[in-house]
Amino acid sequence: MSTFEALLSKQFPQSQIKSSGFWASGEQQHGAADWVSPLFQYDFLHVDGPDSSTFLQGQTSCDWRAITPTQASRGAYCNIKGRVLSSFIGAQPSETLALLRMRADICENTRSLLKKYIVFSKAEIGDQPRTRFAIGVAGPGARQRLRTLFGAAPSAALESLTVDPDTTIVQLDDDGLRYECWLTDTRAAELWPALCDGVAVCDSADWERDNILQGVGEVHAATQDLFLPQQLNYQLVGAVNFKKGCYTGQEVVARIQYRGKLKRRLYAAKVDALINESDATELFGGGDTQSIGKLVSLYNADDHSILLAVLAVDAVNSPIFTAHGKHRVTLLPLPYELPDL
């Protein structure tokens, strides 16, 4: 067990990492304005060497030339058919080190796939899991808390701050209400008492709730190889750059953007009941037995559920239900505009 995990176990004896990968404190604190959470649903790929960004430029959908110690980016790693195998936030804390924060349950698979192609580059992919931890810091006081602790904080969406080799901070939203601190084990254990002092410590599933509300669908083990980037609205959240040149799957992604017609895309929705993932893995139109969409992410609140799903565009103006017509699904607005198709 790492030093940081041992510290959390002592502070929260009933805490656990659930089978879904989310950390639960055992002492749930919902509704706090300012809160923090250890985000165990995430892990990191480390690509280290003088060719790290050049290698990733030819493999992923974002433009690594624009990723610097002060600027991060969302991105995707696709197969040759253009389907997303991994989604991530990428940062470049130094000239030689690239970090890709992604869901933990796809990290090893992504590492194995990328290792096949890195052999001719002056870069290496680290083998060890959990060498860094992500800690979420949220709320109206989040920016000031980070400024007090580090002397500075990012001030725009996906701006990053490299404090030292062990500490990177990324702002996730436009309003400065959500940040992730990416810390080595020693640094996480050192900073955790100050990060959580005087604020609520919430389950990491609450971070997924806010991802859903922001319309950011992350690929995990159950959704690998299912969706094109545009079906996840990645072109709308800055995860695809159409001017960067070739990368794995680029021809398919570009063809859909410029010559094809997108038939499915990401929507947010609400169900006025608590549901489990198996109930909503496939979504259906009223009376239809054929699926009109697939679940991307799900969060259960006290008396309802919210979710992101990739749905058939021509079906969203008709009633939508979970499996067997059990629950009605109501679409929610997204914080960004969906273009006409």
C-alpha atoms as a PDB file:
ATOM      1  CA  MET A   1       0.000   0.000   0.000  1.00  0.00           C
ATOM      2  CA  SER A   2       1.289   3.450  -0.892  1.00  0.00           C
ATOM      3  CA  THR A   3       1.918   6.142   1.704  1.00  0.00           C
ATOM      4  CA  PHE A   4      -1.061   8.149   0.455  1.00  0.00           C
ATOM      5  CA  GLU A   5      -3.413   5.158   0.542  1.00  0.00           C
ATOM      6  CA  ALA A   6      -2.268   4.309   4.065  1.00  0.00           C
ATOM      7  CA  LEU A   7      -2.945   7.886   5.156  1.00  0.00           C
ATOM      8  CA  LEU A   8      -6.475   7.767   3.732  1.00  0.00           C
ATOM      9  CA  SER A   9      -7.172   4.390   5.336  1.00  0.00           C
ATOM     10  CA  LYS A  10      -6.199   5.792   8.720  1.00  0.00           C
ATOM     11  CA  GLN A  11      -8.327   8.914   8.269  1.00  0.00           C
ATOM     12  CA  PHE A  12     -11.304   6.981   6.837  1.00  0.00           C
ATOM     13  CA  PRO A  13     -11.286   3.445   8.303  1.00  0.00           C
ATOM     14  CA  GLN A  14     -14.480   2.526   6.422  1.00  0.00           C
ATOM     15  CA  SER A  15     -13.217   3.759   3.063  1.00  0.00           C
ATOM     16  CA  GLN A  16     -12.939   1.471   0.055  1.00  0.00           C
ATOM     17  CA  ILE A  17     -12.297   1.446  -3.661  1.00  0.00           C
ATOM     18  CA  LYS A  18     -15.411  -0.018  -5.239  1.00  0.00           C
ATOM     19  CA  SER A  19     -15.443  -2.466  -8.129  1.00  0.00           C
ATOM     20  CA  SER A  20     -16.245   0.477 -10.413  1.00  0.00           C
ATOM     21  CA  GLY A  21     -12.913   2.053  -9.395  1.00  0.00           C
ATOM     22  CA  PHE A  22     -14.458   4.918  -7.426  1.00  0.00           C
ATOM     23  CA  TRP A  23     -13.260   5.676  -3.905  1.00  0.00           C
ATOM     24  CA  ALA A  24     -15.887   5.861  -1.144  1.00  0.00           C
ATOM     25  CA  SER A  25     -15.048   7.424   2.207  1.00  0.00           C
ATOM     26  CA  GLY A  26     -17.660   5.540   4.235  1.00  0.00           C
ATOM     27  CA  GLU A  27     -18.608   8.949   5.691  1.00  0.00           C
ATOM     28  CA  GLN A  28     -20.423  10.536   2.775  1.00  0.00           C
ATOM     29  CA  GLN A  29     -20.603  14.331   2.765  1.00  0.00           C
ATOM     30  CA  HIS A  30     -22.869  15.576  -0.029  1.00  0.00           C
ATOM     31  CA  GLY A  31     -23.808  19.153  -0.707  1.00  0.00           C
ATOM     32  CA  ALA A  32     -20.712  20.973   0.530  1.00  0.00           C
ATOM     33  CA  ALA A  33     -19.734  24.118  -1.388  1.00  0.00           C
ATOM     34  CA  ASP A  34     -16.007  23.386  -1.201  1.00  0.00           C
ATOM     35  CA  TRP A  35     -14.785  19.823  -1.281  1.00  0.00           C
ATOM     36  CA  VAL A  36     -11.942  17.524  -2.221  1.00  0.00           C
ATOM     37  CA  SER A  37     -11.764  13.908  -3.287  1.00  0.00           C
ATOM     38  CA  PRO A  38      -9.028  11.360  -3.985  1.00  0.00           C
ATOM     39  CA  LEU A  39      -9.773  10.272  -7.557  1.00  0.00           C
ATOM     40  CA  PHE A  40      -8.826   6.608  -7.540  1.00  0.00           C
ATOM     41  CA  GLN A  41     -10.799   6.005 -10.728  1.00  0.00           C
ATOM     42  CA  TYR A  42      -7.802   7.540 -12.521  1.00  0.00           C
ATOM     43  CA  ASP A  43      -4.230   6.475 -13.124  1.00  0.00           C
ATOM     44  CA  PHE A  44      -1.425   7.848 -15.279  1.00  0.00           C
ATOM     45  CA  LEU A  45       0.708   6.859 -18.200  1.00  0.00           C
ATOM     46  CA  HIS A  46       4.190   8.368 -18.064  1.00  0.00           C
ATOM     47  CA  VAL A  47       5.969   8.822 -21.384  1.00  0.00           C
ATOM     48  CA  ASP A  48       9.506  10.009 -20.704  1.00  0.00           C
ATOM     49  CA  GLY A  49      12.257  10.971 -23.124  1.00  0.00           C
ATOM     50  CA  PRO A  50      13.172  13.642 -25.689  1.00  0.00           C
ATOM     51  CA  ASP A  51      10.699  12.149 -28.213  1.00  0.00           C
ATOM     52  CA  SER A  52       7.773  11.860 -25.802  1.00  0.00           C
ATOM     53  CA  SER A  53       5.583  14.579 -27.326  1.00  0.00           C
ATOM     54  CA  THR A  54       6.633  13.691 -30.897  1.00  0.00           C
ATOM     55  CA  PHE A  55       5.619  10.082 -30.320  1.00  0.00           C
ATOM     56  CA  LEU A  56       2.253  11.033 -28.825  1.00  0.00           C
ATOM     57  CA  GLN A  57       1.656  13.520 -31.644  1.00  0.00           C
ATOM     58  CA  GLY A  58       1.541  10.597 -34.075  1.00  0.00           C
ATOM     59  CA  GLN A  59      -0.678   8.442 -31.884  1.00  0.00           C
ATOM     60  CA  THR A  60      -3.366  10.649 -30.342  1.00  0.00           C
ATOM     61  CA  SER A  61      -6.048  13.107 -31.465  1.00  0.00           C
ATOM     62  CA  CYS A  62      -4.801  16.240 -29.664  1.00  0.00           C
ATOM     63  CA  ASP A  63      -1.958  18.527 -30.719  1.00  0.00           C
ATOM     64  CA  TRP A  64       0.983  17.832 -28.431  1.00  0.00           C
ATOM     65  CA  ARG A  65       2.850  20.815 -29.894  1.00  0.00           C
ATOM     66  CA  ALA A  66       0.386  22.997 -27.969  1.00  0.00           C
ATOM     67  CA  ILE A  67       0.779  21.081 -24.691  1.00  0.00           C
ATOM     68  CA  THR A  68       3.316  22.764 -22.419  1.00  0.00           C
ATOM     69  CA  PRO A  69       4.053  23.072 -18.685  1.00  0.00           C
ATOM     70  CA  THR A  70       1.275  25.706 -18.638  1.00  0.00           C
ATOM     71  CA  GLN A  71      -1.259  24.152 -21.031  1.00  0.00           C
ATOM     72  CA  ALA A  72      -2.957  20.740 -20.895  1.00  0.00           C
ATOM     73  CA  SER A  73      -5.411  19.201 -23.361  1.00  0.00           C
ATOM     74  CA  ARG A  74      -8.086  16.558 -23.598  1.00  0.00           C
ATOM     75  CA  GLY A  75      -7.347  13.861 -26.127  1.00  0.00           C
ATOM     76  CA  ALA A  76      -8.095  10.367 -27.368  1.00  0.00           C
ATOM     77  CA  TYR A  77      -6.140   7.355 -28.544  1.00  0.00           C
ATOM     78  CA  CYS A  78      -8.021   5.548 -31.315  1.00  0.00           C
ATOM     79  CA  ASN A  79      -7.633   2.319 -33.252  1.00  0.00           C
ATOM     80  CA  ILE A  80      -7.217   2.321 -37.031  1.00  0.00           C
ATOM     81  CA  LYS A  81     -11.019   2.321 -37.398  1.00  0.00           C
ATOM     82  CA  GLY A  82     -11.188   5.598 -35.499  1.00  0.00           C
ATOM     83  CA  ARG A  83     -12.835   4.138 -32.406  1.00  0.00           C
ATOM     84  CA  VAL A  84     -11.673   5.440 -29.049  1.00  0.00           C
ATOM     85  CA  LEU A  85      -9.545   3.055 -27.002  1.00  0.00           C
ATOM     86  CA  SER A  86      -8.571   5.614 -24.408  1.00  0.00           C
ATOM     87  CA  SER A  87      -9.578   9.150 -23.477  1.00  0.00           C
ATOM     88  CA  PHE A  88      -7.312  11.303 -21.341  1.00  0.00           C
ATOM     89  CA  ILE A  89      -6.119  14.674 -20.195  1.00  0.00           C
ATOM     90  CA  GLY A  90      -2.540  15.176 -21.337  1.00  0.00           C
ATOM     91  CA  ALA A  91       0.052  17.438 -19.716  1.00  0.00           C
ATOM     92  CA  GLN A  92       3.754  18.077 -20.289  1.00  0.00           C
ATOM     93  CA  PRO A  93       5.351  18.995 -16.927  1.00  0.00           C
ATOM     94  CA  SER A  94       8.785  19.153 -18.557  1.00  0.00           C
ATOM     95  CA  GLU A  95      10.315  18.986 -22.030  1.00  0.00           C
ATOM     96  CA  THR A  96      10.808  15.237 -21.733  1.00  0.00           C
ATOM     97  CA  LEU A  97       7.914  14.047 -19.546  1.00  0.00           C
ATOM     98  CA  ALA A  98       4.332  13.614 -20.775  1.00  0.00           C
ATOM     99  CA  LEU A  99       1.518  12.576 -18.452  1.00  0.00           C
ATOM    100  CA  LEU A 100      -1.769  11.067 -19.620  1.00  0.00           C
ATOM    101  CA  ARG A 101      -4.442  10.945 -16.928  1.00  0.00           C
ATOM    102  CA  MET A 102      -7.052   8.324 -17.807  1.00  0.00           C
ATOM    103  CA  ARG A 103      -9.421   5.850 -16.212  1.00  0.00           C
ATOM    104  CA  ALA A 104      -7.422   3.309 -14.243  1.00  0.00           C
ATOM    105  CA  ASP A 105      -9.129   0.264 -15.730  1.00  0.00           C
ATOM    106  CA  ILE A 106      -7.807   1.055 -19.237  1.00  0.00           C
ATOM    107  CA  CYS A 107      -4.348   2.231 -18.248  1.00  0.00           C
ATOM    108  CA  GLU A 108      -2.550  -1.103 -18.578  1.00  0.00           C
ATOM    109  CA  ASN A 109      -4.234  -1.919 -21.872  1.00  0.00           C
ATOM    110  CA  THR A 110      -3.330   1.499 -23.288  1.00  0.00           C
ATOM    111  CA  ARG A 111       0.247   1.090 -22.076  1.00  0.00           C
ATOM    112  CA  SER A 112       0.544  -2.271 -23.820  1.00  0.00           C
ATOM    113  CA  LEU A 113      -0.845  -0.925 -27.097  1.00  0.00           C
ATOM    114  CA  LEU A 114       1.397   2.148 -27.174  1.00  0.00           C
ATOM    115  CA  LYS A 115       4.490   0.119 -26.282  1.00  0.00           C
ATOM    116  CA  LYS A 116       4.225  -1.666 -29.617  1.00  0.00           C
ATOM    117  CA  TYR A 117       4.939   1.601 -31.437  1.00  0.00           C
ATOM    118  CA  ILE A 118       7.356   3.427 -29.149  1.00  0.00           C
ATOM    119  CA  VAL A 119      10.339   1.133 -29.757  1.00  0.00           C
ATOM    120  CA  PHE A 120      11.790   3.391 -32.460  1.00  0.00           C
ATOM    121  CA  SER A 121      11.398   6.595 -30.408  1.00  0.00           C
ATOM    122  CA  LYS A 122      13.745   8.085 -27.863  1.00  0.00           C
ATOM    123  CA  ALA A 123      11.126   7.710 -25.166  1.00  0.00           C
ATOM    124  CA  GLU A 124       9.845   5.070 -22.767  1.00  0.00           C
ATOM    125  CA  ILE A 125       6.496   4.325 -21.183  1.00  0.00           C
ATOM    126  CA  GLY A 126       6.684   3.705 -17.455  1.00  0.00           C
ATOM    127  CA  ASP A 127       5.555   0.287 -16.262  1.00  0.00           C
ATOM    128  CA  GLN A 128       4.532   1.022 -12.687  1.00  0.00           C
ATOM    129  CA  PRO A 129       0.890   1.800 -11.854  1.00  0.00           C
ATOM    130  CA  ARG A 130      -0.076   4.343  -9.220  1.00  0.00           C
ATOM    131  CA  THR A 131       3.135   6.351  -9.294  1.00  0.00           C
ATOM    132  CA  ARG A 132       0.945   9.460  -9.239  1.00  0.00           C
ATOM    133  CA  PHE A 133      -2.440  10.229  -7.738  1.00  0.00           C
ATOM    134  CA  ALA A 134      -5.152  12.648  -8.844  1.00  0.00           C
ATOM    135  CA  ILE A 135      -6.912  14.683  -6.166  1.00  0.00           C
ATOM    136  CA  GLY A 136      -9.971  16.721  -7.103  1.00  0.00           C
ATOM    137  CA  VAL A 137     -10.413  20.188  -5.570  1.00  0.00           C
ATOM    138  CA  ALA A 138     -13.800  21.814  -6.171  1.00  0.00           C
ATOM    139  CA  GLY A 139     -15.963  24.719  -5.174  1.00  0.00           C
ATOM    140  CA  PRO A 140     -15.971  28.527  -5.132  1.00  0.00           C
ATOM    141  CA  GLY A 141     -12.976  28.560  -2.787  1.00  0.00           C
ATOM    142  CA  ALA A 142     -10.915  26.051  -4.804  1.00  0.00           C
ATOM    143  CA  ARG A 143      -8.710  28.542  -6.652  1.00  0.00           C
ATOM    144  CA  GLN A 144      -7.845  30.508  -3.532  1.00  0.00           C
ATOM    145  CA  ARG A 145      -7.094  27.290  -1.646  1.00  0.00           C
ATOM    146  CA  LEU A 146      -4.597  26.311  -4.329  1.00  0.00           C
ATOM    147  CA  ARG A 147      -3.092  29.814  -4.445  1.00  0.00           C
ATOM    148  CA  THR A 148      -2.578  29.712  -0.691  1.00  0.00           C
ATOM    149  CA  LEU A 149      -0.963  26.302  -0.868  1.00  0.00           C
ATOM    150  CA  PHE A 150       1.155  26.701  -4.002  1.00  0.00           C
ATOM    151  CA  GLY A 151       1.467  30.451  -4.441  1.00  0.00           C
ATOM    152  CA  ALA A 152      -0.384  30.327  -7.780  1.00  0.00           C
ATOM    153  CA  ALA A 153      -3.160  28.469  -9.590  1.00  0.00           C
ATOM    154  CA  PRO A 154      -4.306  28.016 -13.201  1.00  0.00           C
ATOM    155  CA  SER A 155      -6.820  30.612 -14.348  1.00  0.00           C
ATOM    156  CA  ALA A 156      -8.438  29.148 -17.485  1.00  0.00           C
ATOM    157  CA  ALA A 157      -9.920  25.863 -18.639  1.00  0.00           C
ATOM    158  CA  LEU A 158      -7.205  23.238 -19.206  1.00  0.00           C
ATOM    159  CA  GLU A 159      -4.485  25.625 -18.147  1.00  0.00           C
ATOM    160  CA  SER A 160      -1.902  23.755 -16.092  1.00  0.00           C
ATOM    161  CA  LEU A 161       0.603  24.742 -13.435  1.00  0.00           C
ATOM    162  CA  THR A 162       3.787  22.767 -12.921  1.00  0.00           C
ATOM    163  CA  VAL A 163       4.814  23.529  -9.352  1.00  0.00           C
ATOM    164  CA  ASP A 164       7.711  21.054  -9.260  1.00  0.00           C
ATOM    165  CA  PRO A 165       8.499  17.643 -10.823  1.00  0.00           C
ATOM    166  CA  ASP A 166       6.098  15.983  -8.371  1.00  0.00           C
ATOM    167  CA  THR A 167       3.200  18.438  -8.633  1.00  0.00           C
ATOM    168  CA  THR A 168       0.974  19.421 -11.561  1.00  0.00           C
ATOM    169  CA  ILE A 169      -2.353  21.260 -11.275  1.00  0.00           C
ATOM    170  CA  VAL A 170      -4.941  21.366 -14.082  1.00  0.00           C
ATOM    171  CA  GLN A 171      -8.059  23.532 -14.180  1.00  0.00           C
ATOM    172  CA  LEU A 172     -10.971  21.666 -15.761  1.00  0.00           C
ATOM    173  CA  ASP A 173     -13.628  24.338 -16.253  1.00  0.00           C
ATOM    174  CA  ASP A 174     -14.010  27.929 -17.385  1.00  0.00           C
ATOM    175  CA  ASP A 175     -15.170  29.209 -14.003  1.00  0.00           C
ATOM    176  CA  GLY A 176     -12.343  27.946 -11.785  1.00  0.00           C
ATOM    177  CA  LEU A 177     -14.560  25.638  -9.747  1.00  0.00           C
ATOM    178  CA  ARG A 178     -12.829  22.336 -10.582  1.00  0.00           C
ATOM    179  CA  TYR A 179      -9.145  21.451 -10.421  1.00  0.00           C
ATOM    180  CA  GLU A 180      -7.119  18.272 -10.387  1.00  0.00           C
ATOM    181  CA  CYS A 181      -3.840  18.019  -8.513  1.00  0.00           C
ATOM    182  CA  TRP A 182      -1.553  15.338  -9.969  1.00  0.00           C
ATOM    183  CA  LEU A 183       0.889  14.299  -7.273  1.00  0.00           C
ATOM    184  CA  THR A 184       3.489  11.637  -6.615  1.00  0.00           C
ATOM    185  CA  ASP A 185       2.785   9.357  -3.649  1.00  0.00           C
ATOM    186  CA  THR A 186       5.057  11.255  -1.267  1.00  0.00           C
ATOM    187  CA  ARG A 187       3.723  14.627  -2.389  1.00  0.00           C
ATOM    188  CA  ALA A 188       0.079  13.499  -2.133  1.00  0.00           C
ATOM    189  CA  ALA A 189       0.601  12.295   1.437  1.00  0.00           C
ATOM    190  CA  GLU A 190       2.400  15.537   2.307  1.00  0.00           C
ATOM    191  CA  LEU A 191      -0.245  17.858   0.843  1.00  0.00           C
ATOM    192  CA  TRP A 192      -3.444  15.956   1.651  1.00  0.00           C
ATOM    193  CA  PRO A 193      -3.916  17.377   5.192  1.00  0.00           C
ATOM    194  CA  ALA A 194      -3.756  20.945   3.836  1.00  0.00           C
ATOM    195  CA  LEU A 195      -5.963  20.171   0.831  1.00  0.00           C
ATOM    196  CA  CYS A 196      -8.763  18.702   2.942  1.00  0.00           C
ATOM    197  CA  ASP A 197      -8.466  21.054   5.921  1.00  0.00           C
ATOM    198  CA  GLY A 198     -11.788  22.753   6.582  1.00  0.00           C
ATOM    199  CA  VAL A 199     -13.635  21.297   3.564  1.00  0.00           C
ATOM    200  CA  ALA A 200     -15.704  18.199   2.903  1.00  0.00           C
ATOM    201  CA  VAL A 201     -14.065  14.989   1.669  1.00  0.00           C
ATOM    202  CA  CYS A 202     -16.467  13.448  -0.844  1.00  0.00           C
ATOM    203  CA  ASP A 203     -16.640  10.167  -2.714  1.00  0.00           C
ATOM    204  CA  SER A 204     -14.845  10.240  -6.036  1.00  0.00           C
ATOM    205  CA  ALA A 205     -18.087   9.300  -7.814  1.00  0.00           C
ATOM    206  CA  ASP A 206     -19.088  12.915  -7.150  1.00  0.00           C
ATOM    207  CA  TRP A 207     -16.347  13.919  -9.597  1.00  0.00           C
ATOM    208  CA  GLU A 208     -18.050  11.746 -12.194  1.00  0.00           C
ATOM    209  CA  ARG A 209     -21.332  13.520 -11.456  1.00  0.00           C
ATOM    210  CA  ASP A 210     -19.742  16.846 -12.377  1.00  0.00           C
ATOM    211  CA  ASN A 211     -18.118  15.330 -15.482  1.00  0.00           C
ATOM    212  CA  ILE A 212     -21.601  14.289 -16.581  1.00  0.00           C
ATOM    213  CA  LEU A 213     -23.011  17.758 -15.949  1.00  0.00           C
ATOM    214  CA  GLN A 214     -20.160  19.232 -18.000  1.00  0.00           C
ATOM    215  CA  GLY A 215     -20.875  16.815 -20.840  1.00  0.00           C
ATOM    216  CA  VAL A 216     -17.490  15.095 -20.632  1.00  0.00           C
ATOM    217  CA  GLY A 217     -17.757  11.366 -21.272  1.00  0.00           C
ATOM    218  CA  GLU A 218     -14.640   9.394 -20.419  1.00  0.00           C
ATOM    219  CA  VAL A 219     -13.885   6.000 -21.908  1.00  0.00           C
ATOM    220  CA  HIS A 220     -13.391   3.141 -19.460  1.00  0.00           C
ATOM    221  CA  ALA A 221     -13.038  -0.622 -19.789  1.00  0.00           C
ATOM    222  CA  ALA A 222     -16.712  -1.250 -20.633  1.00  0.00           C
ATOM    223  CA  THR A 223     -16.760   1.388 -23.384  1.00  0.00           C
ATOM    224  CA  GLN A 224     -13.412   0.853 -25.098  1.00  0.00           C
ATOM    225  CA  ASP A 225     -13.620   0.463 -28.871  1.00  0.00           C
ATOM    226  CA  LEU A 226     -17.314   1.459 -29.034  1.00  0.00           C
ATOM    227  CA  PHE A 227     -17.365   5.100 -30.095  1.00  0.00           C
ATOM    228  CA  LEU A 228     -15.857   7.501 -32.590  1.00  0.00           C
ATOM    229  CA  PRO A 229     -14.525  10.716 -31.003  1.00  0.00           C
ATOM    230  CA  GLN A 230     -17.354  12.794 -32.506  1.00  0.00           C
ATOM    231  CA  GLN A 231     -19.944  10.438 -31.026  1.00  0.00           C
ATOM    232  CA  LEU A 232     -18.553  11.451 -27.617  1.00  0.00           C
ATOM    233  CA  ASN A 233     -18.600  15.166 -28.604  1.00  0.00           C
ATOM    234  CA  TYR A 234     -14.819  15.263 -28.314  1.00  0.00           C
ATOM    235  CA  GLN A 235     -14.563  17.767 -31.154  1.00  0.00           C
ATOM    236  CA  LEU A 236     -16.650  20.123 -28.977  1.00  0.00           C
ATOM    237  CA  VAL A 237     -14.539  19.835 -25.795  1.00  0.00           C
ATOM    238  CA  GLY A 238     -11.123  20.277 -27.407  1.00  0.00           C
ATOM    239  CA  ALA A 239     -10.050  16.644 -27.550  1.00  0.00           C
ATOM    240  CA  VAL A 240      -9.635  16.498 -31.357  1.00  0.00           C
ATOM    241  CA  ASN A 241      -7.438  18.771 -33.454  1.00  0.00           C
ATOM    242  CA  PHE A 242      -8.244  18.574 -37.176  1.00  0.00           C
ATOM    243  CA  LYS A 243      -5.155  20.523 -38.302  1.00  0.00           C
ATOM    244  CA  LYS A 244      -2.407  18.575 -36.499  1.00  0.00           C
ATOM    245  CA  GLY A 245      -1.729  15.959 -39.175  1.00  0.00           C
ATOM    246  CA  CYS A 246      -1.759  12.183 -39.094  1.00  0.00           C
ATOM    247  CA  TYR A 247      -2.357   9.984 -36.063  1.00  0.00           C
ATOM    248  CA  THR A 248      -3.804   6.531 -35.592  1.00  0.00           C
ATOM    249  CA  GLY A 249      -7.417   6.544 -36.822  1.00  0.00           C
ATOM    250  CA  GLN A 250      -7.144  10.089 -38.183  1.00  0.00           C
ATOM    251  CA  GLU A 251      -8.469   9.293 -41.678  1.00  0.00           C
ATOM    252  CA  VAL A 252     -11.721   7.887 -40.314  1.00  0.00           C
ATOM    253  CA  VAL A 253     -12.155  10.714 -37.800  1.00  0.00           C
ATOM    254  CA  ALA A 254     -11.543  13.366 -40.476  1.00  0.00           C
ATOM    255  CA  ARG A 255     -13.871  11.672 -42.971  1.00  0.00           C
ATOM    256  CA  ILE A 256     -16.723  11.699 -40.466  1.00  0.00           C
ATOM    257  CA  GLN A 257     -16.073  15.366 -39.718  1.00  0.00           C
ATOM    258  CA  TYR A 258     -15.916  16.637 -43.287  1.00  0.00           C
ATOM    259  CA  ARG A 259     -17.669  14.118 -45.514  1.00  0.00           C
ATOM    260  CA  GLY A 260     -19.869  11.930 -43.369  1.00  0.00           C
ATOM    261  CA  LYS A 261     -23.044  12.461 -41.401  1.00  0.00           C
ATOM    262  CA  LEU A 262     -22.902  11.824 -37.683  1.00  0.00           C
ATOM    263  CA  LYS A 263     -25.843   9.608 -36.758  1.00  0.00           C
ATOM    264  CA  ARG A 264     -25.130   9.275 -33.021  1.00  0.00           C
ATOM    265  CA  ARG A 265     -23.708  11.647 -30.446  1.00  0.00           C
ATOM    266  CA  LEU A 266     -23.463  12.265 -26.719  1.00  0.00           C
ATOM    267  CA  TYR A 267     -26.392  13.499 -24.625  1.00  0.00           C
ATOM    268  CA  ALA A 268     -26.910  14.047 -20.920  1.00  0.00           C
ATOM    269  CA  ALA A 269     -30.034  12.631 -19.316  1.00  0.00           C
ATOM    270  CA  LYS A 270     -31.872  12.065 -16.046  1.00  0.00           C
ATOM    271  CA  VAL A 271     -33.888   9.140 -14.696  1.00  0.00           C
ATOM    272  CA  ASP A 272     -36.250   9.763 -11.772  1.00  0.00           C
ATOM    273  CA  ALA A 273     -35.152   6.576 -10.038  1.00  0.00           C
ATOM    274  CA  LEU A 274     -31.960   4.907  -8.894  1.00  0.00           C
ATOM    275  CA  ILE A 275     -30.723   2.568 -11.609  1.00  0.00           C
ATOM    276  CA  ASN A 276     -27.754   0.306 -12.023  1.00  0.00           C
ATOM    277  CA  GLU A 277     -25.426   0.202 -14.970  1.00  0.00           C
ATOM    278  CA  SER A 278     -26.873  -3.014 -16.388  1.00  0.00           C
ATOM    279  CA  ASP A 279     -30.331  -1.387 -16.632  1.00  0.00           C
ATOM    280  CA  ALA A 280     -28.985   1.459 -18.747  1.00  0.00           C
ATOM    281  CA  THR A 281     -26.174  -0.163 -20.738  1.00  0.00           C
ATOM    282  CA  GLU A 282     -28.526  -0.014 -23.731  1.00  0.00           C
ATOM    283  CA  LEU A 283     -31.280   2.564 -24.147  1.00  0.00           C
ATOM    284  CA  PHE A 284     -34.439   2.114 -26.203  1.00  0.00           C
ATOM    285  CA  GLY A 285     -37.191   4.074 -27.923  1.00  0.00           C
ATOM    286  CA  GLY A 286     -40.771   3.558 -26.839  1.00  0.00           C
ATOM    287  CA  GLY A 287     -41.924   0.137 -27.977  1.00  0.00           C
ATOM    288  CA  ASP A 288     -38.663  -0.567 -29.771  1.00  0.00           C
ATOM    289  CA  THR A 289     -36.656  -3.692 -29.193  1.00  0.00           C
ATOM    290  CA  GLN A 290     -33.628  -2.336 -31.012  1.00  0.00           C
ATOM    291  CA  SER A 291     -31.188  -0.224 -29.038  1.00  0.00           C
ATOM    292  CA  ILE A 292     -31.017   3.482 -29.872  1.00  0.00           C
ATOM    293  CA  GLY A 293     -28.033   4.207 -27.668  1.00  0.00           C
ATOM    294  CA  LYS A 294     -25.333   3.087 -25.263  1.00  0.00           C
ATOM    295  CA  LEU A 295     -24.443   4.238 -21.768  1.00  0.00           C
ATOM    296  CA  VAL A 296     -21.183   6.162 -21.321  1.00  0.00           C
ATOM    297  CA  SER A 297     -21.313   7.141 -17.646  1.00  0.00           C
ATOM    298  CA  LEU A 298     -23.762   7.018 -14.740  1.00  0.00           C
ATOM    299  CA  TYR A 299     -24.154   8.664 -11.340  1.00  0.00           C
ATOM    300  CA  ASN A 300     -26.755   7.796  -8.706  1.00  0.00           C
ATOM    301  CA  ALA A 301     -27.911  10.646  -6.459  1.00  0.00           C
ATOM    302  CA  ASP A 302     -30.240  10.213  -3.477  1.00  0.00           C
ATOM    303  CA  ASP A 303     -33.442   9.695  -5.481  1.00  0.00           C
ATOM    304  CA  HIS A 304     -32.478   9.912  -9.156  1.00  0.00           C
ATOM    305  CA  SER A 305     -29.736   9.102 -11.624  1.00  0.00           C
ATOM    306  CA  ILE A 306     -27.971  11.194 -14.224  1.00  0.00           C
ATOM    307  CA  LEU A 307     -26.070   9.793 -17.148  1.00  0.00           C
ATOM    308  CA  LEU A 308     -24.299  10.385 -20.414  1.00  0.00           C
ATOM    309  CA  ALA A 309     -25.229   8.221 -23.363  1.00  0.00           C
ATOM    310  CA  VAL A 310     -24.466   8.095 -27.061  1.00  0.00           C
ATOM    311  CA  LEU A 311     -27.884   8.174 -28.729  1.00  0.00           C
ATOM    312  CA  ALA A 312     -29.219   8.045 -32.258  1.00  0.00           C
ATOM    313  CA  VAL A 313     -29.803  11.665 -33.281  1.00  0.00           C
ATOM    314  CA  ASP A 314     -33.079  10.867 -35.045  1.00  0.00           C
ATOM    315  CA  ALA A 315     -34.479   9.225 -31.891  1.00  0.00           C
ATOM    316  CA  VAL A 316     -33.945  11.929 -29.273  1.00  0.00           C
ATOM    317  CA  ASN A 317     -37.224  13.725 -29.944  1.00  0.00           C
ATOM    318  CA  SER A 318     -39.199  10.591 -29.048  1.00  0.00           C
ATOM    319  CA  PRO A 319     -39.607   8.853 -25.667  1.00  0.00           C
ATOM    320  CA  ILE A 320     -36.481   7.053 -24.435  1.00  0.00           C
ATOM    321  CA  PHE A 321     -36.395   4.270 -21.851  1.00  0.00           C
ATOM    322  CA  THR A 322     -33.981   2.011 -20.015  1.00  0.00           C
ATOM    323  CA  ALA A 323     -34.104  -1.745 -20.645  1.00  0.00           C
ATOM    324  CA  HIS A 324     -37.570  -3.352 -20.832  1.00  0.00           C
ATOM    325  CA  GLY A 325     -39.213   0.086 -20.737  1.00  0.00           C
ATOM    326  CA  LYS A 326     -38.570   0.189 -17.006  1.00  0.00           C
ATOM    327  CA  HIS A 327     -37.693   3.877 -16.603  1.00  0.00           C
ATOM    328  CA  ARG A 328     -38.286   6.969 -18.709  1.00  0.00           C
ATOM    329  CA  VAL A 329     -35.143   8.872 -19.658  1.00  0.00           C
ATOM    330  CA  THR A 330     -35.342  12.691 -19.855  1.00  0.00           C
ATOM    331  CA  LEU A 331     -32.674  14.612 -21.741  1.00  0.00           C
ATOM    332  CA  LEU A 332     -30.797  17.391 -19.929  1.00  0.00           C
ATOM    333  CA  PRO A 333     -29.129  20.452 -21.464  1.00  0.00           C
ATOM    334  CA  LEU A 334     -25.398  20.318 -22.084  1.00  0.00           C
ATOM    335  CA  PRO A 335     -23.138  23.273 -21.215  1.00  0.00           C
ATOM    336  CA  TYR A 336     -22.000  23.529 -24.827  1.00  0.00           C
ATOM    337  CA  GLU A 337     -24.002  23.909 -28.020  1.00  0.00           C
ATOM    338  CA  LEU A 338     -24.627  20.880 -30.212  1.00  0.00           C
ATOM    339  CA  PRO A 339     -24.231  21.862 -33.863  1.00  0.00           C
ATOM    340  CA  ASP A 340     -26.885  21.074 -36.436  1.00  0.00           C
ATOM    341  CA  LEU A 341     -26.263  17.858 -38.355  1.00  0.00           C
END
